[in-house]
């Protein structure tokens, strides 16, 4: 049976990282004391070192760069959809124009 994944609050993560820095204990020892995996605490410390106060944004809260990337991907998708619609419209109108030309040629010149 799969293990249920635990989630931790931003405050808990920050306190755990700060405890590692304040205490003279190793990350592994602090992780054991807190009842979390060594790799989890290592990941938190690394994320805090890279992002500082912006670390651990939580679900739904993205950094400015992630938000911009999400917006640009959505804009690209909309642009691709518009391009595909225009391609189909061009194909439809091209066929209709060719059909009208053929129809015009088949009408006797005395009527035209």
C-alpha atoms as a PDB file:
ATOM      1  CA  UNK A   1       0.000   0.000   0.000  1.00  0.00           C
ATOM      2  CA  UNK A   2       1.502   3.394  -0.966  1.00  0.00           C
ATOM      3  CA  UNK A   3       2.652   5.684   1.790  1.00  0.00           C
ATOM      4  CA  UNK A   4       0.601   8.854   2.198  1.00  0.00           C
ATOM      5  CA  UNK A   5       2.686  11.920   1.389  1.00  0.00           C
ATOM      6  CA  UNK A   6       2.853  14.385   4.242  1.00  0.00           C
ATOM      7  CA  UNK A   7       2.744  18.101   3.662  1.00  0.00           C
ATOM      8  CA  UNK A   8       4.433  20.712   5.822  1.00  0.00           C
ATOM      9  CA  UNK A   9       3.637  24.364   6.323  1.00  0.00           C
ATOM     10  CA  UNK A  10       5.953  27.123   5.191  1.00  0.00           C
ATOM     11  CA  UNK A  11       6.534  28.053   8.840  1.00  0.00           C
ATOM     12  CA  UNK A  12       7.603  24.505   9.746  1.00  0.00           C
ATOM     13  CA  UNK A  13      10.047  24.397   6.854  1.00  0.00           C
ATOM     14  CA  UNK A  14      11.534  27.778   7.738  1.00  0.00           C
ATOM     15  CA  UNK A  15      11.916  26.822  11.397  1.00  0.00           C
ATOM     16  CA  UNK A  16      13.559  23.529  10.443  1.00  0.00           C
ATOM     17  CA  UNK A  17      16.054  25.285   8.148  1.00  0.00           C
ATOM     18  CA  UNK A  18      16.793  27.956  10.753  1.00  0.00           C
ATOM     19  CA  UNK A  19      17.272  25.274  13.415  1.00  0.00           C
ATOM     20  CA  UNK A  20      19.898  23.594  11.244  1.00  0.00           C
ATOM     21  CA  UNK A  21      21.777  26.890  10.956  1.00  0.00           C
ATOM     22  CA  UNK A  22      21.453  27.863  14.644  1.00  0.00           C
ATOM     23  CA  UNK A  23      22.214  24.522  16.233  1.00  0.00           C
ATOM     24  CA  UNK A  24      25.544  22.836  15.901  1.00  0.00           C
ATOM     25  CA  UNK A  25      23.833  19.629  14.790  1.00  0.00           C
ATOM     26  CA  UNK A  26      24.055  18.065  11.363  1.00  0.00           C
ATOM     27  CA  UNK A  27      21.164  18.109   8.923  1.00  0.00           C
ATOM     28  CA  UNK A  28      20.759  14.377   9.386  1.00  0.00           C
ATOM     29  CA  UNK A  29      20.460  14.708  13.162  1.00  0.00           C
ATOM     30  CA  UNK A  30      17.951  17.554  12.925  1.00  0.00           C
ATOM     31  CA  UNK A  31      15.929  15.583  10.362  1.00  0.00           C
ATOM     32  CA  UNK A  32      15.798  12.563  12.691  1.00  0.00           C
ATOM     33  CA  UNK A  33      14.746  14.787  15.598  1.00  0.00           C
ATOM     34  CA  UNK A  34      11.938  16.287  13.515  1.00  0.00           C
ATOM     35  CA  UNK A  35      10.867  12.924  12.096  1.00  0.00           C
ATOM     36  CA  UNK A  36      11.511  13.786   8.462  1.00  0.00           C
ATOM     37  CA  UNK A  37      13.815  12.327   5.825  1.00  0.00           C
ATOM     38  CA  UNK A  38      17.368  13.664   5.553  1.00  0.00           C
ATOM     39  CA  UNK A  39      16.834  14.348   1.855  1.00  0.00           C
ATOM     40  CA  UNK A  40      13.701  16.387   2.605  1.00  0.00           C
ATOM     41  CA  UNK A  41      15.533  18.684   5.001  1.00  0.00           C
ATOM     42  CA  UNK A  42      18.480  18.933   2.593  1.00  0.00           C
ATOM     43  CA  UNK A  43      16.079  19.973  -0.185  1.00  0.00           C
ATOM     44  CA  UNK A  44      14.500  22.614   2.077  1.00  0.00           C
ATOM     45  CA  UNK A  45      17.915  24.024   3.020  1.00  0.00           C
ATOM     46  CA  UNK A  46      18.942  24.172  -0.624  1.00  0.00           C
ATOM     47  CA  UNK A  47      15.684  25.860  -1.651  1.00  0.00           C
ATOM     48  CA  UNK A  48      16.019  28.397   1.175  1.00  0.00           C
ATOM     49  CA  UNK A  49      19.625  29.153   0.169  1.00  0.00           C
ATOM     50  CA  UNK A  50      18.548  29.777  -3.436  1.00  0.00           C
ATOM     51  CA  UNK A  51      15.291  31.689  -2.887  1.00  0.00           C
ATOM     52  CA  UNK A  52      15.650  33.187   0.598  1.00  0.00           C
ATOM     53  CA  UNK A  53      12.400  34.771   1.750  1.00  0.00           C
ATOM     54  CA  UNK A  54      10.639  33.625  -1.441  1.00  0.00           C
ATOM     55  CA  UNK A  55      11.281  29.956  -0.623  1.00  0.00           C
ATOM     56  CA  UNK A  56       8.350  27.596  -0.048  1.00  0.00           C
ATOM     57  CA  UNK A  57       5.654  29.574  -1.899  1.00  0.00           C
ATOM     58  CA  UNK A  58       3.029  26.848  -1.426  1.00  0.00           C
ATOM     59  CA  UNK A  59       0.660  25.481  -4.033  1.00  0.00           C
ATOM     60  CA  UNK A  60      -0.897  28.108  -6.235  1.00  0.00           C
ATOM     61  CA  UNK A  61       1.646  30.746  -5.249  1.00  0.00           C
ATOM     62  CA  UNK A  62       4.253  30.987  -7.941  1.00  0.00           C
ATOM     63  CA  UNK A  63       7.361  33.058  -8.225  1.00  0.00           C
ATOM     64  CA  UNK A  64       7.302  35.908 -10.723  1.00  0.00           C
ATOM     65  CA  UNK A  65       9.375  33.893 -13.212  1.00  0.00           C
ATOM     66  CA  UNK A  66       7.069  30.866 -12.944  1.00  0.00           C
ATOM     67  CA  UNK A  67       4.008  33.072 -13.377  1.00  0.00           C
ATOM     68  CA  UNK A  68       5.525  34.722 -16.468  1.00  0.00           C
ATOM     69  CA  UNK A  69       6.393  31.299 -17.926  1.00  0.00           C
ATOM     70  CA  UNK A  70       2.840  30.063 -17.327  1.00  0.00           C
ATOM     71  CA  UNK A  71       1.404  33.205 -18.971  1.00  0.00           C
ATOM     72  CA  UNK A  72       3.692  32.910 -22.001  1.00  0.00           C
ATOM     73  CA  UNK A  73       2.882  29.220 -22.487  1.00  0.00           C
ATOM     74  CA  UNK A  74      -0.830  30.024 -22.414  1.00  0.00           C
ATOM     75  CA  UNK A  75      -0.342  32.892 -24.875  1.00  0.00           C
ATOM     76  CA  UNK A  76       1.614  30.580 -27.205  1.00  0.00           C
ATOM     77  CA  UNK A  77      -1.170  27.980 -27.084  1.00  0.00           C
ATOM     78  CA  UNK A  78      -3.816  30.600 -27.956  1.00  0.00           C
ATOM     79  CA  UNK A  79      -1.659  31.895 -30.826  1.00  0.00           C
ATOM     80  CA  UNK A  80      -1.216  28.362 -32.195  1.00  0.00           C
ATOM     81  CA  UNK A  81      -4.967  27.787 -32.068  1.00  0.00           C
ATOM     82  CA  UNK A  82      -5.570  31.048 -33.951  1.00  0.00           C
ATOM     83  CA  UNK A  83      -2.996  30.070 -36.580  1.00  0.00           C
ATOM     84  CA  UNK A  84      -4.624  26.671 -37.060  1.00  0.00           C
ATOM     85  CA  UNK A  85      -8.053  28.276 -37.487  1.00  0.00           C
ATOM     86  CA  UNK A  86      -6.673  30.685 -40.105  1.00  0.00           C
ATOM     87  CA  UNK A  87      -5.002  27.815 -41.990  1.00  0.00           C
ATOM     88  CA  UNK A  88      -8.301  25.925 -42.127  1.00  0.00           C
ATOM     89  CA  UNK A  89     -10.190  29.033 -43.229  1.00  0.00           C
ATOM     90  CA  UNK A  90      -7.654  29.658 -45.986  1.00  0.00           C
ATOM     91  CA  UNK A  91      -8.059  26.085 -47.219  1.00  0.00           C
ATOM     92  CA  UNK A  92     -11.844  26.373 -47.193  1.00  0.00           C
ATOM     93  CA  UNK A  93     -11.879  29.716 -49.041  1.00  0.00           C
ATOM     94  CA  UNK A  94      -9.280  28.517 -51.543  1.00  0.00           C
ATOM     95  CA  UNK A  95     -11.473  25.534 -52.424  1.00  0.00           C
ATOM     96  CA  UNK A  96     -14.544  27.746 -52.678  1.00  0.00           C
ATOM     97  CA  UNK A  97     -12.729  30.208 -54.954  1.00  0.00           C
ATOM     98  CA  UNK A  98     -11.450  27.416 -57.204  1.00  0.00           C
ATOM     99  CA  UNK A  99     -14.962  25.959 -57.399  1.00  0.00           C
ATOM    100  CA  UNK A 100     -16.415  29.334 -58.370  1.00  0.00           C
ATOM    101  CA  UNK A 101     -13.817  29.718 -61.128  1.00  0.00           C
ATOM    102  CA  UNK A 102     -14.669  26.279 -62.507  1.00  0.00           C
ATOM    103  CA  UNK A 103     -18.347  27.089 -62.336  1.00  0.00           C
ATOM    104  CA  UNK A 104     -17.777  30.348 -64.226  1.00  0.00           C
ATOM    105  CA  UNK A 105     -15.819  28.542 -66.966  1.00  0.00           C
ATOM    106  CA  UNK A 106     -18.583  25.997 -67.464  1.00  0.00           C
ATOM    107  CA  UNK A 107     -21.204  28.710 -68.163  1.00  0.00           C
ATOM    108  CA  UNK A 108     -21.554  29.382 -71.896  1.00  0.00           C
ATOM    109  CA  UNK A 109     -19.910  32.621 -73.015  1.00  0.00           C
ATOM    110  CA  UNK A 110     -23.146  33.912 -74.526  1.00  0.00           C
ATOM    111  CA  UNK A 111     -24.721  33.999 -71.052  1.00  0.00           C
ATOM    112  CA  UNK A 112     -21.687  35.426 -69.272  1.00  0.00           C
END
